[in-house]
Amino acid sequence: MNRPAGRNVRLGLRANWEQFTLLVVVNAFVGAMVGLERSVLPLLAEEDFGLASRTAILSFLVSFGLVKAGTNYFAGRLSDRIGRKPVLLLGWLAALPVPVMIIFAPSWGWVVAANVLLGVNQGLAWSTTVIKKIDLVGPERRGLAMGLNEAAGYVAVSLAALAAGYLAASYGVRPAPFLPGVGFAVLGLLLTLFFVRETQDHARLEASQTTTPDDSPGGGRVFVRTSFTDRNLSSVSQAGLVNNLNDGMAWGLLPLFFAASGLPIERIGVLAAVYPGVWGLGQLATGWMSDHLGRKWMIVCGMWLQAAGILLISLTGTFALWLAGSILMGLGTALAYPTLLAAVGDAAHPAWRASAVGVYRLWRDLGYAAGALLAGVLADLFGFAPAIAAIGALTAASGLVVAARMREKRRPA
């Protein structure tokens, strides 16, 4: 971060709207790659591969979560070292084989391997679009920027999940639901290669303007500070982990729960789409709100709304109430998700912010693996409803941790 920023570099959403809009579109393709799996893949495990153990079925999420978490960390470090755009390109190259491997998979191991590559794609590509948008907008509109970024990604998740559900209902669980993934990966790669620009100079400019001293910590110190010692960064990291823990449960376990209750696949697709759809659209407002209302209590309320939705789903047995629970989960995640990222940006110095974002996303996406293991084991031991309820209780406890430990760093407008 010692080289000065270029002369024509300016911070702000208005000054960089073209690149910002392009990155919104790119992140929509990143989200769509994941959305294709959310309503279909657990059912594919049962129908095509005959898996009965919930823990075995959710193994694809364990591989995805572990790889995505580790890749997030290295994406942040690499973005500080070699630049943002090369890391984004590597993410799209990893995505290209994923839909093809699932379509032609002769065994469940191929699906698990495809999700290893999907984890690399999501860790590199989604992390880098987050970092680049934080670079472009500067400190004043950080919450809005994260809201727009996450809205694009999760609206795309929702639409892709809905489309995959209807394709599966009409043409079977393979290959139709995964064919659009080929186009998503190719378009994301081409847009990045020819149109996306580097944004490291924007981070350098912000670093030169900040009054916060930069103590230039090494990678190990950034990890410890973000994970454990900084009250805000560590509170955000544990909340991110639990957020994605319950999202992993929603992705891997809820479709099986709904199917076991006799719900047809097209309705499972609707429920799989409503949750990320409300989540995505809600972030258009909640990111902006956190710039004006502050971060802490939006995160707390978001975690508690998620918990309420999960518990409602676990305790009821009708489509209407499951739909209501999915909406509550989406609203809660919309409140917390972009606000967590913005809070990392608030607490970390621009010189090591990309690395801090990588550490936060490491913990957050370990939640997928933790959620898959915990939900799968509990479901095998006690059944679906107790497993889902336990995840809801854990989510409520995470909100309590934020309420007790986090301090409001951004002064509400």
Protein backbone atom coordinates (compact mmCIF):
# COMPACT_ATOMS: atom_id res chain seq x y z
CA MET A 1 0.00 0.00 0.00
CA ASN A 2 3.00 2.34 -0.29
CA ARG A 3 2.51 3.33 -3.94
CA PRO A 4 0.35 6.48 -4.30
CA ALA A 5 -3.01 6.33 -6.00
CA GLY A 6 -3.40 7.37 -9.63
CA ARG A 7 -4.34 10.93 -10.49
CA ASN A 8 -7.75 10.14 -11.94
CA VAL A 9 -8.91 7.93 -9.08
CA ARG A 10 -11.97 9.21 -7.20
CA LEU A 11 -13.99 7.62 -4.42
CA GLY A 12 -17.76 7.46 -4.33
CA LEU A 13 -20.69 5.62 -5.87
CA ARG A 14 -21.54 8.39 -8.32
CA ALA A 15 -17.95 8.79 -9.51
CA ASN A 16 -17.61 5.03 -10.15
CA TRP A 17 -21.13 4.03 -11.11
CA GLU A 18 -20.18 2.30 -14.37
CA GLN A 19 -17.70 -0.09 -12.75
CA PHE A 20 -19.96 -0.51 -9.73
CA THR A 21 -22.93 -1.48 -11.94
CA LEU A 22 -20.77 -3.91 -13.89
CA LEU A 23 -19.67 -5.56 -10.65
CA VAL A 24 -23.31 -5.85 -9.55
CA VAL A 25 -24.02 -7.78 -12.76
CA VAL A 26 -20.94 -9.97 -12.31
CA ASN A 27 -21.97 -10.81 -8.75
CA ALA A 28 -25.43 -11.75 -9.98
CA PHE A 29 -23.80 -14.45 -12.11
CA VAL A 30 -21.77 -15.57 -9.06
CA GLY A 31 -24.99 -15.96 -7.06
CA ALA A 32 -26.80 -17.75 -9.88
CA MET A 33 -24.14 -20.49 -9.89
CA VAL A 34 -25.10 -21.37 -6.30
CA GLY A 35 -28.84 -20.88 -6.82
CA LEU A 36 -29.04 -23.74 -9.31
CA GLU A 37 -28.21 -26.18 -6.49
CA ARG A 38 -30.43 -24.91 -3.69
CA SER A 39 -33.70 -26.62 -4.58
CA VAL A 40 -32.42 -29.64 -6.53
CA LEU A 41 -29.11 -31.04 -5.29
CA PRO A 42 -30.35 -32.69 -2.05
CA LEU A 43 -33.15 -34.33 -4.05
CA LEU A 44 -30.65 -35.45 -6.70
CA ALA A 45 -28.73 -37.26 -3.94
CA GLU A 46 -31.83 -39.30 -3.04
CA GLU A 47 -33.26 -39.91 -6.53
CA ASP A 48 -30.16 -40.50 -8.69
CA PHE A 49 -27.64 -41.80 -6.16
CA GLY A 50 -29.85 -43.47 -3.56
CA LEU A 51 -28.36 -41.77 -0.52
CA ALA A 52 -30.45 -42.15 2.64
CA SER A 53 -28.21 -40.70 5.38
CA ARG A 54 -28.79 -36.96 5.82
CA THR A 55 -25.15 -36.57 6.89
CA ALA A 56 -23.97 -38.24 3.65
CA ILE A 57 -26.31 -36.12 1.52
CA LEU A 58 -25.04 -32.92 3.10
CA SER A 59 -21.42 -33.91 2.41
CA PHE A 60 -21.50 -31.69 -0.69
CA LEU A 61 -22.09 -28.70 1.61
CA VAL A 62 -19.22 -29.70 3.87
CA SER A 63 -16.79 -29.71 0.94
CA PHE A 64 -18.27 -26.48 -0.42
CA GLY A 65 -18.12 -24.68 2.92
CA LEU A 66 -14.61 -25.75 3.89
CA VAL A 67 -13.15 -24.85 0.50
CA LYS A 68 -15.06 -21.59 0.19
CA ALA A 69 -14.02 -20.56 3.69
CA GLY A 70 -10.33 -21.18 3.05
CA THR A 71 -10.50 -19.56 -0.36
CA ASN A 72 -12.12 -16.45 1.14
CA TYR A 73 -9.10 -15.97 3.38
CA PHE A 74 -6.61 -16.33 0.56
CA ALA A 75 -8.74 -14.15 -1.72
CA GLY A 76 -8.32 -11.27 0.71
CA ARG A 77 -4.57 -11.76 1.04
CA LEU A 78 -4.10 -12.23 -2.71
CA SER A 79 -6.21 -9.16 -3.46
CA ASP A 80 -3.85 -7.06 -1.35
CA ARG A 81 -0.78 -8.63 -2.97
CA ILE A 82 -1.53 -9.11 -6.70
CA GLY A 83 -4.68 -7.05 -7.22
CA ARG A 84 -8.41 -7.67 -7.30
CA LYS A 85 -9.02 -8.44 -10.98
CA PRO A 86 -6.61 -11.43 -11.29
CA VAL A 87 -8.29 -13.05 -8.28
CA LEU A 88 -11.73 -12.53 -9.82
CA LEU A 89 -10.57 -14.15 -13.07
CA LEU A 90 -9.25 -17.18 -11.20
CA GLY A 91 -12.66 -17.51 -9.55
CA TRP A 92 -14.44 -17.70 -12.87
CA LEU A 93 -11.99 -20.21 -14.30
CA ALA A 94 -12.79 -22.50 -11.35
CA ALA A 95 -16.53 -22.22 -12.14
CA LEU A 96 -16.38 -23.47 -15.73
CA PRO A 97 -16.29 -27.26 -15.02
CA VAL A 98 -18.88 -27.23 -12.20
CA PRO A 99 -22.20 -27.69 -14.08
CA VAL A 100 -20.63 -30.17 -16.51
CA MET A 101 -19.33 -32.33 -13.65
CA ILE A 102 -22.75 -32.45 -11.98
CA ILE A 103 -24.57 -33.22 -15.24
CA PHE A 104 -22.33 -36.17 -16.09
CA ALA A 105 -21.49 -37.32 -12.55
CA PRO A 106 -21.39 -41.15 -12.37
CA SER A 107 -21.22 -41.10 -8.57
CA TRP A 108 -21.92 -38.74 -5.66
CA GLY A 109 -18.17 -38.21 -5.27
CA TRP A 110 -18.19 -36.26 -8.53
CA VAL A 111 -20.88 -33.95 -7.14
CA VAL A 112 -18.81 -33.40 -4.00
CA ALA A 113 -15.75 -32.64 -6.18
CA ALA A 114 -17.79 -30.19 -8.27
CA ASN A 115 -18.72 -28.39 -5.07
CA VAL A 116 -15.05 -28.10 -4.17
CA LEU A 117 -14.60 -26.10 -7.39
CA LEU A 118 -17.80 -24.18 -6.70
CA GLY A 119 -16.37 -23.25 -3.29
CA VAL A 120 -13.23 -21.93 -5.00
CA ASN A 121 -15.39 -19.93 -7.42
CA GLN A 122 -17.55 -18.43 -4.68
CA GLY A 123 -14.63 -17.71 -2.37
CA LEU A 124 -12.57 -15.93 -5.01
CA ALA A 125 -15.29 -14.27 -7.08
CA TRP A 126 -17.79 -13.16 -4.42
CA SER A 127 -15.04 -12.01 -2.02
CA THR A 128 -13.40 -9.96 -4.74
CA THR A 129 -16.59 -8.25 -5.89
CA VAL A 130 -17.19 -7.28 -2.23
CA ILE A 131 -13.65 -5.90 -1.86
CA LYS A 132 -13.82 -4.01 -5.16
CA LYS A 133 -17.11 -2.33 -4.27
CA ILE A 134 -15.76 -1.30 -0.85
CA ASP A 135 -12.73 0.15 -2.68
CA LEU A 136 -14.86 2.12 -5.14
CA VAL A 137 -17.39 3.79 -2.85
CA GLY A 138 -15.20 4.87 0.04
CA PRO A 139 -16.41 5.13 3.65
CA GLU A 140 -19.60 7.16 3.25
CA ARG A 141 -21.79 4.72 1.32
CA ARG A 142 -20.28 1.42 2.41
CA GLY A 143 -23.54 -0.03 3.76
CA LEU A 144 -25.41 0.91 0.58
CA ALA A 145 -22.67 -0.66 -1.53
CA MET A 146 -22.83 -3.93 0.40
CA GLY A 147 -26.62 -3.92 0.20
CA LEU A 148 -26.53 -3.57 -3.57
CA ASN A 149 -23.81 -6.21 -3.92
CA GLU A 150 -25.54 -8.79 -1.75
CA ALA A 151 -28.96 -7.97 -3.22
CA ALA A 152 -27.72 -8.73 -6.71
CA GLY A 153 -26.12 -11.98 -5.59
CA TYR A 154 -29.06 -13.32 -3.60
CA VAL A 155 -31.82 -12.21 -5.96
CA ALA A 156 -29.90 -14.21 -8.55
CA VAL A 157 -29.70 -17.13 -6.10
CA SER A 158 -33.48 -16.94 -5.69
CA LEU A 159 -34.30 -16.75 -9.40
CA ALA A 160 -31.90 -19.56 -10.23
CA ALA A 161 -33.35 -21.75 -7.45
CA LEU A 162 -36.88 -21.10 -8.68
CA ALA A 163 -35.91 -21.86 -12.28
CA ALA A 164 -34.05 -25.03 -11.27
CA GLY A 165 -37.09 -26.25 -9.31
CA TYR A 166 -39.41 -25.83 -12.26
CA LEU A 167 -36.90 -27.35 -14.68
CA ALA A 168 -36.53 -30.35 -12.36
CA ALA A 169 -40.32 -30.73 -12.08
CA SER A 170 -40.69 -30.62 -15.88
CA TYR A 171 -37.59 -32.47 -17.11
CA GLY A 172 -36.09 -34.31 -14.13
CA VAL A 173 -33.32 -33.50 -11.68
CA ARG A 174 -30.64 -33.90 -14.39
CA PRO A 175 -29.42 -32.39 -16.68
CA ALA A 176 -31.89 -29.51 -17.30
CA PRO A 177 -31.57 -27.64 -13.96
CA PHE A 178 -27.78 -27.32 -14.36
CA LEU A 179 -27.51 -26.35 -18.03
CA PRO A 180 -27.88 -22.58 -17.37
CA GLY A 181 -24.77 -22.79 -15.20
CA VAL A 182 -22.59 -23.18 -18.29
CA GLY A 183 -23.83 -19.83 -19.61
CA PHE A 184 -23.48 -18.10 -16.23
CA ALA A 185 -19.82 -19.16 -15.90
CA VAL A 186 -18.89 -18.15 -19.46
CA LEU A 187 -20.58 -14.75 -19.22
CA GLY A 188 -19.01 -14.01 -15.83
CA LEU A 189 -15.56 -14.86 -17.16
CA LEU A 190 -15.92 -12.74 -20.32
CA LEU A 191 -17.28 -9.69 -18.48
CA THR A 192 -14.43 -9.85 -16.01
CA LEU A 193 -11.74 -10.37 -18.64
CA PHE A 194 -12.76 -7.54 -20.96
CA PHE A 195 -14.60 -4.93 -18.88
CA VAL A 196 -13.74 -5.12 -15.16
CA ARG A 197 -10.91 -2.80 -14.01
CA GLU A 198 -8.51 -2.94 -11.07
CA THR A 199 -9.50 -1.00 -7.91
CA GLN A 200 -6.39 -1.17 -5.70
CA ASP A 201 -5.67 2.51 -6.35
CA HIS A 202 -9.03 3.40 -4.79
CA ALA A 203 -8.04 1.61 -1.58
CA ARG A 204 -4.68 3.43 -1.63
CA LEU A 205 -6.43 6.76 -2.02
CA GLU A 206 -8.74 6.07 0.94
CA ALA A 207 -5.76 4.93 3.02
CA SER A 208 -3.97 8.21 2.27
CA GLN A 209 -7.04 10.20 3.38
CA THR A 210 -7.86 8.36 6.59
CA THR A 211 -6.90 9.77 9.98
CA THR A 212 -6.84 6.30 11.57
CA PRO A 213 -3.24 5.16 12.09
CA ASP A 214 -2.19 2.11 10.08
CA ASP A 215 -0.14 -0.29 12.18
CA SER A 216 0.30 -2.57 9.12
CA PRO A 217 -0.29 -5.90 10.88
CA GLY A 218 0.88 -9.09 9.23
CA GLY A 219 -1.47 -11.82 8.10
CA GLY A 220 -1.34 -13.64 11.43
CA ARG A 221 -2.16 -10.52 13.41
CA VAL A 222 -5.05 -9.65 11.10
CA PHE A 223 -6.42 -13.16 11.64
CA VAL A 224 -6.17 -12.94 15.44
CA ARG A 225 -7.59 -9.42 15.57
CA THR A 226 -10.53 -10.22 13.29
CA SER A 227 -11.27 -13.57 14.91
CA PHE A 228 -10.76 -12.95 18.61
CA THR A 229 -9.33 -9.72 20.02
CA ASP A 230 -11.22 -6.89 18.32
CA ARG A 231 -14.67 -6.66 19.93
CA ASN A 232 -16.45 -5.64 16.73
CA LEU A 233 -14.59 -7.81 14.24
CA SER A 234 -14.84 -10.92 16.43
CA SER A 235 -18.55 -10.32 17.14
CA VAL A 236 -19.20 -9.94 13.43
CA SER A 237 -17.17 -13.07 12.62
CA GLN A 238 -19.15 -15.34 14.96
CA ALA A 239 -22.45 -13.89 13.74
CA GLY A 240 -21.39 -14.49 10.14
CA LEU A 241 -20.52 -18.10 10.95
CA VAL A 242 -23.92 -18.74 12.56
CA ASN A 243 -25.73 -16.91 9.76
CA ASN A 244 -24.27 -19.26 7.18
CA LEU A 245 -24.68 -22.22 9.51
CA ASN A 246 -28.44 -21.73 9.36
CA ASP A 247 -28.24 -20.99 5.63
CA GLY A 248 -26.46 -24.32 5.15
CA MET A 249 -29.30 -25.99 7.04
CA ALA A 250 -31.81 -24.21 4.79
CA TRP A 251 -29.93 -25.25 1.64
CA GLY A 252 -29.27 -28.88 2.52
CA LEU A 253 -31.88 -29.99 5.07
CA LEU A 254 -35.06 -28.02 4.42
CA PRO A 255 -35.67 -29.44 0.90
CA LEU A 256 -35.45 -32.96 2.38
CA PHE A 257 -37.75 -31.96 5.26
CA PHE A 258 -40.33 -30.53 2.86
CA ALA A 259 -40.11 -33.54 0.54
CA ALA A 260 -40.53 -35.97 3.45
CA SER A 261 -43.69 -34.04 4.37
CA GLY A 262 -45.11 -34.72 0.89
CA LEU A 263 -44.52 -31.31 -0.70
CA PRO A 264 -44.12 -31.50 -4.53
CA ILE A 265 -40.82 -30.40 -6.03
CA GLU A 266 -42.17 -27.23 -7.65
CA ARG A 267 -43.42 -26.01 -4.24
CA ILE A 268 -40.09 -26.93 -2.68
CA GLY A 269 -38.54 -24.74 -5.38
CA VAL A 270 -40.83 -21.86 -4.37
CA LEU A 271 -39.76 -22.11 -0.72
CA ALA A 272 -36.12 -22.45 -1.74
CA ALA A 273 -36.51 -19.26 -3.80
CA VAL A 274 -38.55 -17.14 -1.36
CA TYR A 275 -35.96 -17.13 1.41
CA PRO A 276 -33.00 -15.83 -0.69
CA GLY A 277 -35.41 -13.66 -2.72
CA VAL A 278 -36.63 -11.73 0.33
CA TRP A 279 -33.05 -11.70 1.59
CA GLY A 280 -31.76 -10.27 -1.69
CA LEU A 281 -34.45 -7.64 -2.28
CA GLY A 282 -34.45 -6.57 1.35
CA GLN A 283 -30.76 -5.70 1.15
CA LEU A 284 -31.57 -2.91 -1.31
CA ALA A 285 -32.94 -1.05 1.73
CA THR A 286 -31.05 -2.52 4.68
CA GLY A 287 -27.55 -1.68 3.48
CA TRP A 288 -28.58 1.97 3.12
CA MET A 289 -30.38 1.85 6.48
CA SER A 290 -27.24 0.71 8.28
CA ASP A 291 -25.40 3.80 7.01
CA HIS A 292 -28.01 5.93 8.79
CA LEU A 293 -29.11 3.84 11.78
CA GLY A 294 -25.87 2.13 12.72
CA ARG A 295 -24.73 -1.48 12.45
CA LYS A 296 -25.08 -3.19 15.84
CA TRP A 297 -28.82 -3.38 16.44
CA MET A 298 -29.60 -4.17 12.81
CA ILE A 299 -27.35 -7.23 13.15
CA VAL A 300 -28.95 -8.25 16.45
CA CYS A 301 -32.51 -7.89 15.15
CA GLY A 302 -31.55 -9.72 11.99
CA MET A 303 -30.23 -12.75 13.87
CA TRP A 304 -33.33 -12.88 16.06
CA LEU A 305 -35.69 -12.65 13.08
CA GLN A 306 -33.82 -15.52 11.42
CA ALA A 307 -34.20 -17.56 14.61
CA ALA A 308 -37.95 -16.85 14.70
CA GLY A 309 -38.39 -17.99 11.10
CA ILE A 310 -36.40 -21.20 11.63
CA LEU A 311 -38.36 -22.09 14.76
CA LEU A 312 -41.66 -21.41 12.97
CA ILE A 313 -40.68 -23.84 10.20
CA SER A 314 -39.64 -26.50 12.71
CA LEU A 315 -42.85 -26.28 14.74
CA THR A 316 -45.42 -26.22 11.91
CA GLY A 317 -46.50 -28.42 9.03
CA THR A 318 -48.29 -26.38 6.37
CA PHE A 319 -47.05 -24.68 3.24
CA ALA A 320 -48.44 -21.30 4.33
CA LEU A 321 -46.58 -21.33 7.65
CA TRP A 322 -43.40 -22.62 6.04
CA LEU A 323 -43.70 -19.74 3.59
CA ALA A 324 -44.09 -17.30 6.49
CA GLY A 325 -41.04 -18.80 8.19
CA SER A 326 -39.03 -18.48 4.96
CA ILE A 327 -40.02 -14.82 4.69
CA LEU A 328 -38.93 -14.16 8.29
CA MET A 329 -35.61 -15.87 7.61
CA GLY A 330 -35.14 -13.73 4.51
CA LEU A 331 -35.98 -10.50 6.33
CA GLY A 332 -33.62 -11.33 9.18
CA THR A 333 -30.77 -12.20 6.86
CA ALA A 334 -31.38 -9.03 4.84
CA LEU A 335 -30.95 -6.99 8.03
CA ALA A 336 -27.76 -8.76 9.10
CA TYR A 337 -25.88 -9.80 5.96
CA PRO A 338 -24.77 -6.54 4.30
CA THR A 339 -24.50 -4.87 7.71
CA LEU A 340 -21.96 -7.46 8.86
CA LEU A 341 -19.76 -6.74 5.84
CA ALA A 342 -20.10 -2.99 6.29
CA ALA A 343 -19.13 -3.37 9.96
CA VAL A 344 -15.91 -5.12 8.89
CA GLY A 345 -15.18 -2.21 6.57
CA ASP A 346 -15.79 0.22 9.44
CA ALA A 347 -13.44 -1.54 11.84
CA ALA A 348 -10.53 -2.43 9.52
CA HIS A 349 -7.97 0.05 8.16
CA PRO A 350 -8.00 0.36 4.33
CA ALA A 351 -4.41 -0.89 4.18
CA TRP A 352 -5.39 -4.33 5.56
CA ARG A 353 -9.14 -4.26 5.00
CA ALA A 354 -9.15 -6.82 2.18
CA SER A 355 -7.33 -9.26 4.46
CA ALA A 356 -9.84 -8.61 7.27
CA VAL A 357 -12.73 -9.19 4.85
CA GLY A 358 -11.06 -12.47 3.89
CA VAL A 359 -10.79 -13.58 7.53
CA TYR A 360 -14.42 -12.62 8.23
CA ARG A 361 -15.57 -14.54 5.16
CA LEU A 362 -13.41 -17.50 6.23
CA TRP A 363 -15.37 -17.76 9.48
CA ARG A 364 -18.69 -16.94 7.84
CA ASP A 365 -18.46 -19.66 5.23
CA LEU A 366 -17.14 -22.26 7.64
CA GLY A 367 -20.76 -21.99 8.76
CA TYR A 368 -21.82 -23.96 5.68
CA ALA A 369 -19.68 -26.92 6.70
CA ALA A 370 -20.64 -26.60 10.38
CA GLY A 371 -24.33 -26.30 9.50
CA ALA A 372 -24.24 -29.29 7.18
CA LEU A 373 -22.52 -31.49 9.76
CA LEU A 374 -24.61 -30.34 12.71
CA ALA A 375 -27.94 -30.44 10.87
CA GLY A 376 -27.17 -33.79 9.24
CA VAL A 377 -26.07 -35.51 12.45
CA LEU A 378 -28.99 -34.10 14.47
CA ALA A 379 -31.50 -35.08 11.77
CA ASP A 380 -30.13 -38.63 11.63
CA LEU A 381 -30.26 -38.93 15.43
CA PHE A 382 -33.46 -37.06 16.33
CA GLY A 383 -35.37 -36.27 13.13
CA PHE A 384 -35.87 -33.18 11.01
CA ALA A 385 -37.87 -30.92 13.34
CA PRO A 386 -35.54 -31.13 16.39
CA ALA A 387 -32.51 -30.54 14.16
CA ILE A 388 -34.08 -27.43 12.62
CA ALA A 389 -35.17 -26.12 16.03
CA ALA A 390 -31.65 -26.54 17.43
CA ILE A 391 -30.23 -24.41 14.61
CA GLY A 392 -32.86 -21.75 15.40
CA ALA A 393 -31.85 -21.67 19.07
CA LEU A 394 -28.18 -21.33 18.14
CA THR A 395 -29.02 -18.39 15.86
CA ALA A 396 -30.84 -16.61 18.69
CA ALA A 397 -27.82 -17.11 20.97
CA SER A 398 -25.54 -15.56 18.35
CA GLY A 399 -27.68 -12.42 18.38
CA LEU A 400 -27.21 -12.23 22.14
CA VAL A 401 -23.43 -12.34 21.71
CA VAL A 402 -23.53 -9.35 19.34
CA ALA A 403 -25.83 -7.45 21.71
CA ALA A 404 -23.45 -8.00 24.65
CA ARG A 405 -20.05 -7.64 22.96
CA MET A 406 -20.21 -5.37 19.89
CA ARG A 407 -19.85 -1.59 20.14
CA GLU A 408 -21.43 0.79 17.65
CA LYS A 409 -18.51 2.18 15.65
CA ARG A 410 -20.43 4.11 13.01
CA ARG A 411 -22.31 7.05 14.49
CA PRO A 412 -25.90 7.00 13.14
CA ALA A 413 -26.79 9.94 10.90
